[in-house]
Protein backbone atom coordinates (compact mmCIF):
# COMPACT_ATOMS: atom_id res chain seq x y z
CA MET A 1 247.95 118.60 18.62
CA SER A 2 247.64 122.38 18.65
CA GLY A 3 244.30 123.58 19.92
CA THR A 4 242.17 126.65 20.40
CA SER A 5 244.40 128.03 23.16
CA LEU A 6 246.98 128.79 20.43
CA ASP A 7 249.81 128.47 22.95
CA GLY A 8 251.83 125.85 21.09
CA ALA A 9 251.91 122.23 19.91
CA ASP A 10 251.92 119.04 21.98
CA ALA A 11 253.19 115.76 20.60
CA VAL A 12 253.38 112.22 21.92
CA LEU A 13 254.87 109.02 20.57
CA ALA A 14 252.42 106.32 21.57
CA GLU A 15 252.25 102.55 21.54
CA PHE A 16 248.83 100.92 21.34
CA ALA A 17 248.04 97.40 22.50
CA GLU A 18 244.62 95.78 22.59
CA GLY A 19 242.95 96.03 26.01
CA ALA A 20 245.63 98.27 27.54
CA VAL A 21 245.95 101.98 28.23
CA PRO A 22 248.09 103.47 25.43
CA ARG A 23 251.70 103.84 26.46
CA VAL A 24 253.40 107.20 25.93
CA LEU A 25 257.01 106.51 24.92
CA ALA A 26 257.98 110.18 24.64
CA ALA A 27 256.32 113.57 24.82
CA ALA A 28 257.32 117.05 23.70
CA TYR A 29 255.90 120.56 23.65
CA ARG A 30 256.92 123.64 21.71
CA PRO A 31 255.32 127.03 22.33
CA PHE A 32 254.38 129.19 19.37
CA ASP A 33 256.47 132.30 18.96
CA ALA A 34 254.68 135.63 18.94
CA GLU A 35 254.76 135.94 15.14
CA ILE A 36 253.08 132.65 14.31
CA ARG A 37 250.62 133.00 17.18
CA ALA A 38 249.57 136.42 15.89
CA SER A 39 249.14 135.04 12.37
CA LEU A 40 246.97 132.18 13.64
CA VAL A 41 244.84 134.50 15.78
CA SER A 42 244.28 136.78 12.79
CA LEU A 43 243.16 133.85 10.61
CA ASN A 44 240.26 133.15 12.96
CA ALA A 45 238.46 136.10 11.39
CA PRO A 46 238.04 137.26 7.77
CA GLY A 47 240.89 139.39 6.51
CA HIS A 48 243.05 140.49 3.59
CA ASP A 49 244.83 137.90 1.42
CA GLU A 50 243.63 134.96 3.50
CA VAL A 51 244.48 132.27 0.93
CA GLU A 52 248.20 133.06 0.95
CA ARG A 53 248.31 133.68 4.69
CA VAL A 54 246.66 130.30 5.36
CA ALA A 55 249.12 128.54 3.06
CA LEU A 56 252.20 130.17 4.58
CA ALA A 57 251.00 129.57 8.15
CA GLY A 58 250.30 125.93 7.27
CA ASN A 59 253.84 125.51 5.96
CA ALA A 60 255.28 127.14 9.08
CA LEU A 61 253.25 124.81 11.28
CA ALA A 62 254.33 121.74 9.31
CA ARG A 63 257.97 122.63 9.96
CA ARG A 64 257.30 123.00 13.68
CA TYR A 65 255.43 119.71 13.76
CA ALA A 66 258.36 118.05 11.95
CA ASP A 67 260.73 119.40 14.61
CA LEU A 68 258.51 117.83 17.26
CA VAL A 69 258.54 114.45 15.47
CA ARG A 70 262.33 114.54 15.32
CA GLU A 71 262.45 115.45 19.02
CA LEU A 72 260.22 112.50 19.90
CA VAL A 73 262.44 110.15 17.89
CA ALA A 74 265.56 111.46 19.63
CA ARG A 75 264.02 111.18 23.10
CA SER A 76 262.62 107.69 22.60
CA GLY A 77 265.35 106.05 20.53
CA VAL A 78 262.66 104.56 18.31
CA ASP A 79 263.63 103.98 14.69
CA PRO A 80 261.49 106.32 12.52
CA ARG A 81 260.83 103.35 10.21
CA ASP A 82 258.92 101.73 13.08
CA ILE A 83 256.47 104.63 13.36
CA ARG A 84 253.25 103.71 11.54
CA ALA A 85 252.01 107.26 11.15
CA VAL A 86 251.89 110.80 12.43
CA GLY A 87 248.34 111.78 13.37
CA CYS A 88 248.23 115.53 12.80
CA HIS A 89 245.21 117.50 13.97
CA GLY A 90 246.60 120.75 12.59
CA GLN A 91 245.51 124.18 13.75
CA THR A 92 241.86 125.14 13.48
CA VAL A 93 241.52 128.59 11.97
CA ARG A 94 237.81 128.48 11.15
CA HIS A 95 235.15 126.05 12.37
CA ARG A 96 231.80 126.57 10.65
CA PRO A 97 230.03 123.20 10.43
CA GLU A 98 226.69 124.97 9.94
CA ARG A 99 228.16 126.16 6.63
CA GLY A 100 229.63 122.78 5.80
CA TYR A 101 233.32 123.28 6.59
CA SER A 102 236.04 123.31 9.22
CA VAL A 103 239.60 124.34 8.36
CA GLN A 104 242.66 122.86 10.07
CA ILE A 105 245.97 123.98 8.58
CA GLY A 106 249.35 122.27 8.84
CA ASN A 107 250.19 120.92 5.35
CA GLY A 108 250.19 117.15 5.76
CA ALA A 109 252.06 116.65 2.48
CA LEU A 110 254.96 118.85 3.63
CA LEU A 111 255.00 117.15 7.04
CA ALA A 112 255.28 113.72 5.37
CA GLU A 113 258.08 115.03 3.15
CA LEU A 114 260.01 116.50 6.08
CA THR A 115 259.71 113.46 8.34
CA GLY A 116 259.62 110.57 5.90
CA VAL A 117 256.70 109.19 7.92
CA ARG A 118 253.15 108.61 6.71
CA VAL A 119 250.81 111.38 7.90
CA VAL A 120 247.09 111.21 8.65
CA ALA A 121 245.46 114.65 8.73
CA ASP A 122 242.20 116.49 7.99
CA PHE A 123 240.15 114.45 10.45
CA ARG A 124 237.06 116.65 10.62
CA SER A 125 236.03 117.03 6.98
CA ARG A 126 234.52 113.57 6.47
CA ASP A 127 232.28 113.84 9.51
CA ILE A 128 231.05 117.24 8.32
CA ALA A 129 230.48 115.83 4.83
CA ALA A 130 228.26 113.22 6.50
CA GLY A 131 226.17 115.95 8.13
CA GLY A 132 228.05 116.12 11.43
CA GLN A 133 229.69 118.90 13.40
CA GLY A 134 233.17 117.47 12.85
CA ALA A 135 233.60 117.86 16.62
CA PRO A 136 234.23 116.77 19.21
CA LEU A 137 236.17 113.79 17.85
CA VAL A 138 237.87 112.69 21.06
CA PRO A 139 234.90 110.96 22.78
CA GLY A 140 235.62 107.66 21.00
CA PHE A 141 239.13 107.70 22.45
CA HIS A 142 237.85 108.80 25.85
CA ALA A 143 235.55 105.77 25.88
CA VAL A 144 238.46 103.41 25.16
CA VAL A 145 240.64 104.82 27.95
CA PHE A 146 238.34 106.23 30.64
CA ALA A 147 234.99 104.40 30.55
CA SER A 148 233.97 102.21 33.50
CA ARG A 149 231.21 99.62 33.73
CA GLY A 150 230.77 100.44 37.40
CA GLU A 151 230.55 104.24 37.35
CA ASN A 152 228.99 107.14 35.45
CA ARG A 153 231.86 109.35 34.29
CA VAL A 154 232.44 112.63 32.51
CA VAL A 155 235.70 113.46 30.76
CA LEU A 156 236.18 117.23 30.72
CA ASN A 157 238.76 118.74 28.38
CA LEU A 158 239.71 122.29 29.34
CA GLY A 159 241.40 123.65 26.24
CA GLY A 160 240.69 126.97 24.61
CA ILE A 161 237.16 125.62 24.36
CA ALA A 162 235.78 123.24 26.99
CA ASN A 163 234.27 119.98 25.79
CA LEU A 164 232.91 117.03 27.66
CA THR A 165 232.34 113.34 27.02
CA TRP A 166 229.56 111.56 28.89
CA LEU A 167 230.47 107.94 29.66
CA PRO A 168 227.50 106.36 31.45
CA ARG A 169 227.90 102.83 32.76
CA ASP A 170 224.74 102.00 30.82
CA GLY A 171 223.53 103.90 27.79
CA ALA A 172 224.88 105.92 24.89
CA ILE A 173 228.06 107.97 24.93
CA ALA A 174 227.52 111.70 24.38
CA GLY A 175 229.78 114.69 23.95
CA PHE A 176 229.83 118.34 22.91
CA ASP A 177 231.56 121.69 23.40
CA THR A 178 230.21 123.47 26.48
CA GLY A 179 231.71 126.87 25.61
CA PRO A 180 234.89 128.81 26.43
CA ALA A 181 237.52 127.50 28.83
CA ASN A 182 240.89 129.19 28.35
CA CYS A 183 240.40 131.21 25.18
CA LEU A 184 238.63 134.21 26.72
CA LEU A 185 240.73 134.08 29.89
CA ASP A 186 243.90 134.16 27.78
CA LEU A 187 242.61 136.99 25.58
CA TRP A 188 241.78 139.16 28.57
CA ALA A 189 245.08 138.34 30.33
CA SER A 190 246.99 139.21 27.17
CA ARG A 191 245.25 142.58 26.95
CA HIS A 192 245.69 143.61 30.60
CA LEU A 193 248.72 141.66 31.85
CA GLY A 194 250.76 141.51 28.66
CA ALA A 195 251.07 137.75 29.23
CA THR A 196 249.87 134.77 27.25
CA MET A 197 247.84 133.53 30.22
CA ASP A 198 246.76 134.20 33.80
CA PHE A 199 249.31 131.90 35.44
CA GLU A 200 247.52 129.38 37.71
CA GLY A 201 244.51 131.71 37.68
CA ARG A 202 246.14 133.97 40.28
CA TRP A 203 244.85 137.21 38.78
CA ALA A 204 241.29 135.91 38.53
CA ALA A 205 241.46 134.55 42.07
CA GLY A 206 242.00 138.09 43.39
CA GLY A 207 238.95 139.50 41.60
CA ARG A 208 235.25 139.30 42.30
CA VAL A 209 232.52 138.02 40.03
CA ILE A 210 230.40 140.79 38.49
CA GLY A 211 226.88 139.34 38.67
CA PRO A 212 225.21 141.42 35.93
CA LEU A 213 228.14 140.79 33.58
CA LEU A 214 227.94 137.05 34.16
CA GLU A 215 224.22 137.09 33.42
CA ARG A 216 224.80 139.00 30.18
CA MET A 217 227.37 136.43 29.12
CA LEU A 218 225.07 133.53 29.98
CA GLU A 219 222.42 134.94 27.64
CA ASP A 220 224.45 133.78 24.64
CA PRO A 221 222.21 131.32 22.74
CA TYR A 222 225.02 128.79 22.40
CA PHE A 223 224.86 127.75 26.05
CA PRO A 224 221.24 126.47 26.22
CA ALA A 225 221.36 124.99 22.69
CA ALA A 226 220.93 121.23 22.61
CA PRO A 227 223.75 118.99 21.39
CA PRO A 228 225.15 117.96 19.00
CA LYS A 229 226.98 121.27 18.94
CA SER A 230 230.49 122.65 18.68
CA THR A 231 232.07 126.08 18.72
CA GLY A 232 235.38 127.91 18.59
CA ARG A 233 237.26 131.19 18.47
CA HIS A 234 235.12 132.45 15.60
CA HIS A 235 232.32 132.81 18.18
CA PHE A 236 234.02 133.38 21.54
CA ASP A 237 236.54 136.08 20.71
CA ALA A 238 237.63 139.55 21.80
CA ALA A 239 234.59 141.13 20.15
CA TRP A 240 232.35 138.81 22.17
CA ILE A 241 233.92 140.03 25.42
CA GLU A 242 233.68 143.66 24.38
CA ALA A 243 229.99 143.31 23.58
CA CYS A 244 229.36 142.20 27.18
CA VAL A 245 231.81 144.23 29.27
CA ALA A 246 230.98 147.75 30.47
CA LEU A 247 233.67 150.45 30.48
CA THR A 248 233.42 150.72 34.25
CA ASP A 249 234.01 146.99 34.90
CA PRO A 250 237.41 146.52 36.65
CA PRO A 251 239.61 144.29 34.45
CA ARG A 252 240.52 141.92 37.27
CA ASP A 253 236.86 141.43 38.12
CA VAL A 254 236.14 140.75 34.45
CA GLN A 255 238.77 137.98 34.58
CA ALA A 256 237.11 136.49 37.65
CA THR A 257 233.77 136.65 35.84
CA LEU A 258 235.17 134.93 32.73
CA LEU A 259 236.49 132.15 34.95
CA GLU A 260 233.09 131.83 36.60
CA LEU A 261 231.49 131.67 33.15
CA THR A 262 233.48 128.50 32.42
CA VAL A 263 232.54 127.05 35.81
CA ARG A 264 228.83 127.79 35.33
CA THR A 265 228.55 126.58 31.75
CA VAL A 266 230.47 123.37 32.44
CA GLY A 267 228.45 122.65 35.57
CA ASP A 268 225.13 123.42 33.89
CA ALA A 269 226.02 121.19 30.93
CA ILE A 270 226.93 118.24 33.15
CA ARG A 271 223.81 118.56 35.28
CA ARG A 272 221.56 118.91 32.21
CA HIS A 273 223.03 116.25 29.96
CA CYS A 274 224.89 113.82 32.24
CA PRO A 275 222.33 112.67 34.82
CA GLY A 276 223.84 110.66 37.62
CA ALA A 277 227.44 111.66 36.89
CA GLU A 278 229.70 110.51 39.72
CA ARG A 279 233.23 111.38 38.60
CA VAL A 280 234.64 114.13 36.38
CA ILE A 281 238.04 113.38 34.83
CA ALA A 282 239.73 116.60 33.76
CA CYS A 283 242.42 117.07 31.13
CA GLY A 284 243.89 119.84 28.99
CA GLY A 285 245.81 122.99 29.81
CA GLY A 286 243.03 124.35 32.02
CA THR A 287 243.93 121.77 34.68
CA ARG A 288 246.96 123.96 35.44
CA ASN A 289 244.64 126.86 36.31
CA HIS A 290 244.35 126.19 40.03
CA ALA A 291 241.68 128.83 40.58
CA LEU A 292 239.53 127.28 37.85
CA MET A 293 239.94 123.77 39.23
CA ARG A 294 239.04 124.92 42.76
CA ARG A 295 235.90 126.67 41.52
CA LEU A 296 234.91 123.69 39.38
CA GLU A 297 235.29 121.33 42.31
CA ALA A 298 233.03 123.54 44.42
CA GLY A 299 230.53 124.01 41.59
CA LEU A 300 230.14 120.33 40.78
CA GLY A 301 228.53 119.48 44.09
CA GLY A 302 228.92 115.83 45.02
CA MET A 303 230.75 114.83 41.85
CA ARG A 304 234.39 113.90 42.28
CA LEU A 305 236.80 115.99 40.19
CA GLU A 306 240.26 114.64 39.42
CA GLY A 307 242.97 114.84 36.77
CA SER A 308 243.36 112.25 34.03
CA GLU A 309 246.76 111.27 35.44
CA ARG A 310 244.82 109.21 38.00
CA HIS A 311 243.81 107.03 35.06
CA GLY A 312 247.19 106.61 33.44
CA VAL A 313 247.31 109.58 31.03
CA ALA A 314 248.79 112.98 31.89
CA PRO A 315 246.29 115.82 31.32
CA GLU A 316 248.57 117.51 28.77
CA HIS A 317 248.86 114.29 26.72
CA VAL A 318 245.20 113.32 26.31
CA GLU A 319 244.38 115.39 23.21
CA ALA A 320 247.56 114.51 21.29
CA LEU A 321 247.11 110.87 22.23
CA ALA A 322 243.53 111.00 20.96
CA PHE A 323 244.70 112.04 17.49
CA ALA A 324 247.34 109.31 17.48
CA TRP A 325 244.43 106.92 18.16
CA LEU A 326 242.37 108.50 15.38
CA ALA A 327 245.30 108.00 12.98
CA LYS A 328 245.47 104.34 14.04
CA GLN A 329 241.73 104.01 13.43
CA ALA A 330 242.13 105.47 9.93
CA LEU A 331 244.94 103.08 9.00
CA GLU A 332 242.84 100.15 10.22
CA GLY A 333 239.79 101.31 8.25
CA ALA A 334 237.86 101.78 11.51
CA ALA A 335 235.46 104.61 12.33
CA GLY A 336 236.78 107.49 14.40
CA ASN A 337 233.59 109.47 14.96
CA LEU A 338 230.60 108.77 17.16
CA PRO A 339 227.45 109.82 15.25
CA ALA A 340 225.51 110.34 18.49
CA VAL A 341 228.14 112.93 19.43
CA THR A 342 228.76 114.76 16.15
CA GLY A 343 225.36 114.33 14.51
CA ALA A 344 226.81 112.60 11.42
CA ARG A 345 224.63 110.18 9.45
CA GLY A 346 226.76 107.26 10.54
CA PRO A 347 230.24 106.04 11.55
CA ARG A 348 232.99 107.21 9.22
CA VAL A 349 236.69 106.54 8.75
CA LEU A 350 238.30 109.94 9.33
CA GLY A 351 241.41 111.50 7.86
CA ALA A 352 243.38 111.88 4.65
CA VAL A 353 246.60 109.84 4.33
CA TYR A 354 249.87 111.24 2.95
CA PRO A 355 252.43 108.47 2.32
CA GLY A 356 255.87 108.90 3.89
């Protein structure tokens, strides 16, 4: 899994058994180097010679994914012949479901050739073809692992974009992207700190929220829009920040305001669409932003906020594990999407299979 934060790729080797929490046999992470990260960032907007740049970046990603597969095999001691499939999300470079497409690059054919293992990729296209958003796709997995018959729960993924899954003890599962989580924070930190992120949210924690700036940001029509909905870097990007920020706004205070934007939009979404929520289970890279987690805990009122590790899955493993589960669903001919979440016309088997 490599997500909208564009920091690198996470991989897990997972064992699934009926009625049990999936077991992670090995895990690995590789950060993107500056060159490939820059190429991926640039592909999130129209530019020169995109077709070739997409193809070359996809090949480069496939080689990195193959390295991760080999690392998992070495760490676990599992025979590669015993691996049923690699579930490869790929890297989203453009998500435009309103125009009928979402592009995740990674070259599944090359990945299968390099690893000798069957690959399941391109998970979003079938849902979009069926009239859906193609996202979020993880709520089905969240329901398997985190749902409780005795409690109303929300699973909150804090990646580049924040998305939530509503798991009521009675009633229909729901899910959607709430808006930016790390993507704008990372962009602003990169510009003013020369770093890929604001480590633990320390820079933001020393700033103050600029009220008028926060209100301008909250005027974006995405936030009050009703689900099903999804978004990405094509919407919340550097140009989006620049359209809101005034020249006189201190950069550190802008960072504090961007953090508060995530807190407000997540909290508003939960209160509006998850009535009676009792527990919020957080996962994703944003859980390492201590300032963000503190503000979320305060902003959620009486709801309990905790990391997914309390439920048997490390926060950094949830997304990769979800796409391993989606690959398993595909091989079993079982639906991976939830139409109530994505807006698709019905359940669909997701993913294209490349034999090993």
